[in-house]
Amino acid sequence: MKEILKLENKFRKMNAQELYEYATQHYPEIPNVGIGKPKLVIRRLLNLERERLYREEK
């Protein structure tokens, strides 16, 4: 959970262009993940990161 909070803080400090670049670099298989209002992009990225962490735990 701490990792997710750290990521959220990191994402909130980024501007829209940085969020888009992060999204396209880390999730190239999902083409529109970095498009939209920054608040929505942050929510999508956090959900994807949370899913990735749960998969790694199992």
PDB file of N, CA and C in Angstrom:
ATOM      1  N   MET A   1       0.822  -1.197   0.000  1.00  0.00           N
ATOM      2  CA  MET A   1       0.000   0.000   0.000  1.00  0.00           C
ATOM      3  C   MET A   1       0.867   1.263   0.000  1.00  0.00           C
ATOM      4  N   LYS A   2       2.004   1.182   0.682  1.00  0.00           N
ATOM      5  CA  LYS A   2       2.899   2.334   0.711  1.00  0.00           C
ATOM      6  C   LYS A   2       3.409   2.663  -0.679  1.00  0.00           C
ATOM      7  N   GLU A   3       3.636   1.626  -1.472  1.00  0.00           N
ATOM      8  CA  GLU A   3       4.124   1.837  -2.830  1.00  0.00           C
ATOM      9  C   GLU A   3       3.103   2.611  -3.666  1.00  0.00           C
ATOM     10  N   ILE A   4       1.836   2.281  -3.490  1.00  0.00           N
ATOM     11  CA  ILE A   4       0.776   2.963  -4.233  1.00  0.00           C
ATOM     12  C   ILE A   4       0.712   4.428  -3.821  1.00  0.00           C
ATOM     13  N   LEU A   5       0.840   4.708  -2.542  1.00  0.00           N
ATOM     14  CA  LEU A   5       0.807   6.101  -2.082  1.00  0.00           C
ATOM     15  C   LEU A   5       2.000   6.894  -2.611  1.00  0.00           C
ATOM     16  N   LYS A   6       3.160   6.261  -2.659  1.00  0.00           N
ATOM     17  CA  LYS A   6       4.341   6.920  -3.219  1.00  0.00           C
ATOM     18  C   LYS A   6       4.128   7.229  -4.695  1.00  0.00           C
ATOM     19  N   LEU A   7       3.561   6.259  -5.420  1.00  0.00           N
ATOM     20  CA  LEU A   7       3.281   6.474  -6.838  1.00  0.00           C
ATOM     21  C   LEU A   7       2.268   7.598  -7.039  1.00  0.00           C
ATOM     22  N   GLU A   8       1.243   7.628  -6.193  1.00  0.00           N
ATOM     23  CA  GLU A   8       0.233   8.674  -6.310  1.00  0.00           C
ATOM     24  C   GLU A   8       0.863  10.052  -6.117  1.00  0.00           C
ATOM     25  N   ASN A   9       1.732  10.180  -5.129  1.00  0.00           N
ATOM     26  CA  ASN A   9       2.410  11.455  -4.914  1.00  0.00           C
ATOM     27  C   ASN A   9       3.281  11.820  -6.110  1.00  0.00           C
ATOM     28  N   LYS A  10       3.966  10.834  -6.654  1.00  0.00           N
ATOM     29  CA  LYS A  10       4.814  11.049  -7.829  1.00  0.00           C
ATOM     30  C   LYS A  10       3.975  11.518  -9.015  1.00  0.00           C
ATOM     31  N   PHE A  11       2.844  10.847  -9.241  1.00  0.00           N
ATOM     32  CA  PHE A  11       1.980  11.203 -10.365  1.00  0.00           C
ATOM     33  C   PHE A  11       1.391  12.602 -10.195  1.00  0.00           C
ATOM     34  N   ARG A  12       1.012  12.967  -8.980  1.00  0.00           N
ATOM     35  CA  ARG A  12       0.409  14.288  -8.748  1.00  0.00           C
ATOM     36  C   ARG A  12       1.401  15.420  -9.004  1.00  0.00           C
ATOM     37  N   LYS A  13       2.689  15.144  -8.882  1.00  0.00           N
ATOM     38  CA  LYS A  13       3.714  16.160  -9.146  1.00  0.00           C
ATOM     39  C   LYS A  13       4.009  16.306 -10.635  1.00  0.00           C
ATOM     40  N   MET A  14       3.573  15.328 -11.448  1.00  0.00           N
ATOM     41  CA  MET A  14       3.835  15.352 -12.890  1.00  0.00           C
ATOM     42  C   MET A  14       2.810  16.220 -13.607  1.00  0.00           C
ATOM     43  N   ASN A  15       3.245  16.813 -14.722  1.00  0.00           N
ATOM     44  CA  ASN A  15       2.282  17.530 -15.560  1.00  0.00           C
ATOM     45  C   ASN A  15       1.670  16.531 -16.559  1.00  0.00           C
ATOM     46  N   ALA A  16       0.766  17.008 -17.390  1.00  0.00           N
ATOM     47  CA  ALA A  16       0.028  16.123 -18.297  1.00  0.00           C
ATOM     48  C   ALA A  16       0.958  15.415 -19.281  1.00  0.00           C
ATOM     49  N   GLN A  17       1.952  16.121 -19.798  1.00  0.00           N
ATOM     50  CA  GLN A  17       2.879  15.514 -20.761  1.00  0.00           C
ATOM     51  C   GLN A  17       3.694  14.407 -20.106  1.00  0.00           C
ATOM     52  N   GLU A  18       4.169  14.634 -18.890  1.00  0.00           N
ATOM     53  CA  GLU A  18       4.949  13.618 -18.179  1.00  0.00           C
ATOM     54  C   GLU A  18       4.105  12.395 -17.877  1.00  0.00           C
ATOM     55  N   LEU A  19       2.840  12.612 -17.503  1.00  0.00           N
ATOM     56  CA  LEU A  19       1.940  11.482 -17.251  1.00  0.00           C
ATOM     57  C   LEU A  19       1.741  10.661 -18.521  1.00  0.00           C
ATOM     58  N   TYR A  20       1.551  11.345 -19.639  1.00  0.00           N
ATOM     59  CA  TYR A  20       1.359  10.643 -20.908  1.00  0.00           C
ATOM     60  C   TYR A  20       2.595   9.811 -21.260  1.00  0.00           C
ATOM     61  N   GLU A  21       3.769  10.395 -21.096  1.00  0.00           N
ATOM     62  CA  GLU A  21       5.005   9.675 -21.398  1.00  0.00           C
ATOM     63  C   GLU A  21       5.174   8.459 -20.486  1.00  0.00           C
ATOM     64  N   TYR A  22       4.892   8.620 -19.198  1.00  0.00           N
ATOM     65  CA  TYR A  22       4.992   7.498 -18.259  1.00  0.00           C
ATOM     66  C   TYR A  22       4.039   6.390 -18.684  1.00  0.00           C
ATOM     67  N   ALA A  23       2.805   6.759 -19.002  1.00  0.00           N
ATOM     68  CA  ALA A  23       1.787   5.772 -19.373  1.00  0.00           C
ATOM     69  C   ALA A  23       2.181   5.017 -20.638  1.00  0.00           C
ATOM     70  N   THR A  24       2.670   5.730 -21.641  1.00  0.00           N
ATOM     71  CA  THR A  24       3.015   5.060 -22.894  1.00  0.00           C
ATOM     72  C   THR A  24       4.270   4.202 -22.757  1.00  0.00           C
ATOM     73  N   GLN A  25       5.174   4.577 -21.869  1.00  0.00           N
ATOM     74  CA  GLN A  25       6.380   3.769 -21.659  1.00  0.00           C
ATOM     75  C   GLN A  25       6.082   2.504 -20.856  1.00  0.00           C
ATOM     76  N   HIS A  26       5.256   2.622 -19.828  1.00  0.00           N
ATOM     77  CA  HIS A  26       5.005   1.488 -18.943  1.00  0.00           C
ATOM     78  C   HIS A  26       3.844   0.603 -19.396  1.00  0.00           C
ATOM     79  N   TYR A  27       2.935   1.152 -20.186  1.00  0.00           N
ATOM     80  CA  TYR A  27       1.771   0.383 -20.643  1.00  0.00           C
ATOM     81  C   TYR A  27       1.540   0.589 -22.141  1.00  0.00           C
ATOM     82  N   PRO A  28       2.501   0.189 -22.974  1.00  0.00           N
ATOM     83  CA  PRO A  28       2.332   0.386 -24.423  1.00  0.00           C
ATOM     84  C   PRO A  28       1.201  -0.457 -25.014  1.00  0.00           C
ATOM     85  N   GLU A  29       0.823  -1.533 -24.339  1.00  0.00           N
ATOM     86  CA  GLU A  29      -0.247  -2.396 -24.850  1.00  0.00           C
ATOM     87  C   GLU A  29      -1.633  -1.774 -24.680  1.00  0.00           C
ATOM     88  N   ILE A  30      -1.736  -0.708 -23.886  1.00  0.00           N
ATOM     89  CA  ILE A  30      -3.007  -0.013 -23.687  1.00  0.00           C
ATOM     90  C   ILE A  30      -2.847   1.377 -24.306  1.00  0.00           C
ATOM     91  N   PRO A  31      -3.335   1.573 -25.531  1.00  0.00           N
ATOM     92  CA  PRO A  31      -3.010   2.794 -26.276  1.00  0.00           C
ATOM     93  C   PRO A  31      -3.533   4.105 -25.678  1.00  0.00           C
ATOM     94  N   ASN A  32      -4.688   4.116 -25.048  1.00  0.00           N
ATOM     95  CA  ASN A  32      -5.284   5.377 -24.589  1.00  0.00           C
ATOM     96  C   ASN A  32      -5.169   5.608 -23.091  1.00  0.00           C
ATOM     97  N   VAL A  33      -4.303   4.893 -22.429  1.00  0.00           N
ATOM     98  CA  VAL A  33      -4.213   5.008 -20.968  1.00  0.00           C
ATOM     99  C   VAL A  33      -3.720   6.392 -20.541  1.00  0.00           C
ATOM    100  N   GLY A  34      -2.932   7.068 -21.358  1.00  0.00           N
ATOM    101  CA  GLY A  34      -2.379   8.363 -20.980  1.00  0.00           C
ATOM    102  C   GLY A  34      -3.151   9.552 -21.487  1.00  0.00           C
ATOM    103  N   ILE A  35      -4.301   9.304 -22.086  1.00  0.00           N
ATOM    104  CA  ILE A  35      -5.087  10.381 -22.673  1.00  0.00           C
ATOM    105  C   ILE A  35      -6.252  10.733 -21.746  1.00  0.00           C
ATOM    106  N   GLY A  36      -6.442  12.022 -21.518  1.00  0.00           N
ATOM    107  CA  GLY A  36      -7.540  12.496 -20.697  1.00  0.00           C
ATOM    108  C   GLY A  36      -7.057  13.510 -19.676  1.00  0.00           C
ATOM    109  N   LYS A  37      -7.961  13.893 -18.810  1.00  0.00           N
ATOM    110  CA  LYS A  37      -7.607  14.832 -17.752  1.00  0.00           C
ATOM    111  C   LYS A  37      -6.606  14.165 -16.815  1.00  0.00           C
ATOM    112  N   PRO A  38      -5.658  14.932 -16.307  1.00  0.00           N
ATOM    113  CA  PRO A  38      -4.632  14.344 -15.433  1.00  0.00           C
ATOM    114  C   PRO A  38      -5.200  13.541 -14.267  1.00  0.00           C
ATOM    115  N   LYS A  39      -6.285  13.998 -13.684  1.00  0.00           N
ATOM    116  CA  LYS A  39      -6.881  13.281 -12.551  1.00  0.00           C
ATOM    117  C   LYS A  39      -7.341  11.883 -12.971  1.00  0.00           C
ATOM    118  N   LEU A  40      -7.910  11.768 -14.158  1.00  0.00           N
ATOM    119  CA  LEU A  40      -8.369  10.472 -14.657  1.00  0.00           C
ATOM    120  C   LEU A  40      -7.201   9.577 -15.050  1.00  0.00           C
ATOM    121  N   VAL A  41      -6.172  10.170 -15.642  1.00  0.00           N
ATOM    122  CA  VAL A  41      -4.989   9.396 -16.021  1.00  0.00           C
ATOM    123  C   VAL A  41      -4.323   8.828 -14.772  1.00  0.00           C
ATOM    124  N   ILE A  42      -4.230   9.658 -13.723  1.00  0.00           N
ATOM    125  CA  ILE A  42      -3.638   9.197 -12.462  1.00  0.00           C
ATOM    126  C   ILE A  42      -4.434   8.027 -11.903  1.00  0.00           C
ATOM    127  N   ARG A  43      -5.744   8.124 -11.945  1.00  0.00           N
ATOM    128  CA  ARG A  43      -6.595   7.041 -11.424  1.00  0.00           C
ATOM    129  C   ARG A  43      -6.381   5.758 -12.222  1.00  0.00           C
ATOM    130  N   ARG A  44      -6.313   5.878 -13.558  1.00  0.00           N
ATOM    131  CA  ARG A  44      -6.072   4.688 -14.395  1.00  0.00           C
ATOM    132  C   ARG A  44      -4.725   4.059 -14.088  1.00  0.00           C
ATOM    133  N   LEU A  45      -3.699   4.911 -14.001  1.00  0.00           N
ATOM    134  CA  LEU A  45      -2.351   4.393 -13.730  1.00  0.00           C
ATOM    135  C   LEU A  45      -2.282   3.720 -12.368  1.00  0.00           C
ATOM    136  N   LEU A  46      -2.909   4.309 -11.366  1.00  0.00           N
ATOM    137  CA  LEU A  46      -2.901   3.699 -10.034  1.00  0.00           C
ATOM    138  C   LEU A  46      -3.621   2.358 -10.041  1.00  0.00           C
ATOM    139  N   ASN A  47      -4.715   2.267 -10.763  1.00  0.00           N
ATOM    140  CA  ASN A  47      -5.430   0.990 -10.864  1.00  0.00           C
ATOM    141  C   ASN A  47      -4.571  -0.069 -11.543  1.00  0.00           C
ATOM    142  N   LEU A  48      -3.885   0.308 -12.610  1.00  0.00           N
ATOM    143  CA  LEU A  48      -3.019  -0.642 -13.310  1.00  0.00           C
ATOM    144  C   LEU A  48      -1.853  -1.076 -12.423  1.00  0.00           C
ATOM    145  N   GLU A  49      -1.263  -0.138 -11.698  1.00  0.00           N
ATOM    146  CA  GLU A  49      -0.152  -0.472 -10.807  1.00  0.00           C
ATOM    147  C   GLU A  49      -0.634  -1.369  -9.663  1.00  0.00           C
ATOM    148  N   ARG A  50      -1.816  -1.086  -9.145  1.00  0.00           N
ATOM    149  CA  ARG A  50      -2.386  -1.904  -8.073  1.00  0.00           C
ATOM    150  C   ARG A  50      -2.615  -3.328  -8.557  1.00  0.00           C
ATOM    151  N   GLU A  51      -3.154  -3.483  -9.764  1.00  0.00           N
ATOM    152  CA  GLU A  51      -3.363  -4.815 -10.342  1.00  0.00           C
ATOM    153  C   GLU A  51      -2.033  -5.551 -10.514  1.00  0.00           C
ATOM    154  N   ARG A  52      -1.016  -4.828 -10.978  1.00  0.00           N
ATOM    155  CA  ARG A  52       0.301  -5.432 -11.168  1.00  0.00           C
ATOM    156  C   ARG A  52       0.872  -5.909  -9.836  1.00  0.00           C
ATOM    157  N   LEU A  53       0.735  -5.120  -8.784  1.00  0.00           N
ATOM    158  CA  LEU A  53       1.239  -5.507  -7.464  1.00  0.00           C
ATOM    159  C   LEU A  53       0.511  -6.732  -6.925  1.00  0.00           C
ATOM    160  N   TYR A  54      -0.804  -6.797  -7.132  1.00  0.00           N
ATOM    161  CA  TYR A  54      -1.567  -7.968  -6.660  1.00  0.00           C
ATOM    162  C   TYR A  54      -1.148  -9.221  -7.406  1.00  0.00           C
ATOM    163  N   ARG A  55      -0.889  -9.097  -8.715  1.00  0.00           N
ATOM    164  CA  ARG A  55      -0.443 -10.261  -9.488  1.00  0.00           C
ATOM    165  C   ARG A  55       0.939 -10.735  -9.014  1.00  0.00           C
ATOM    166  N   GLU A  56       1.810  -9.801  -8.660  1.00  0.00           N
ATOM    167  CA  GLU A  56       3.139 -10.167  -8.194  1.00  0.00           C
ATOM    168  C   GLU A  56       3.090 -10.849  -6.834  1.00  0.00           C
ATOM    169  N   GLU A  57       2.127 -10.491  -5.990  1.00  0.00           N
ATOM    170  CA  GLU A  57       2.007 -11.089  -4.663  1.00  0.00           C
ATOM    171  C   GLU A  57       1.569 -12.551  -4.741  1.00  0.00           C
ATOM    172  N   LYS A  58       0.758 -12.871  -5.738  1.00  0.00           N
ATOM    173  CA  LYS A  58       0.232 -14.242  -5.844  1.00  0.00           C
ATOM    174  C   LYS A  58       1.177 -15.127  -6.505  1.00  0.00           C
TER     175      LYS A  58
END
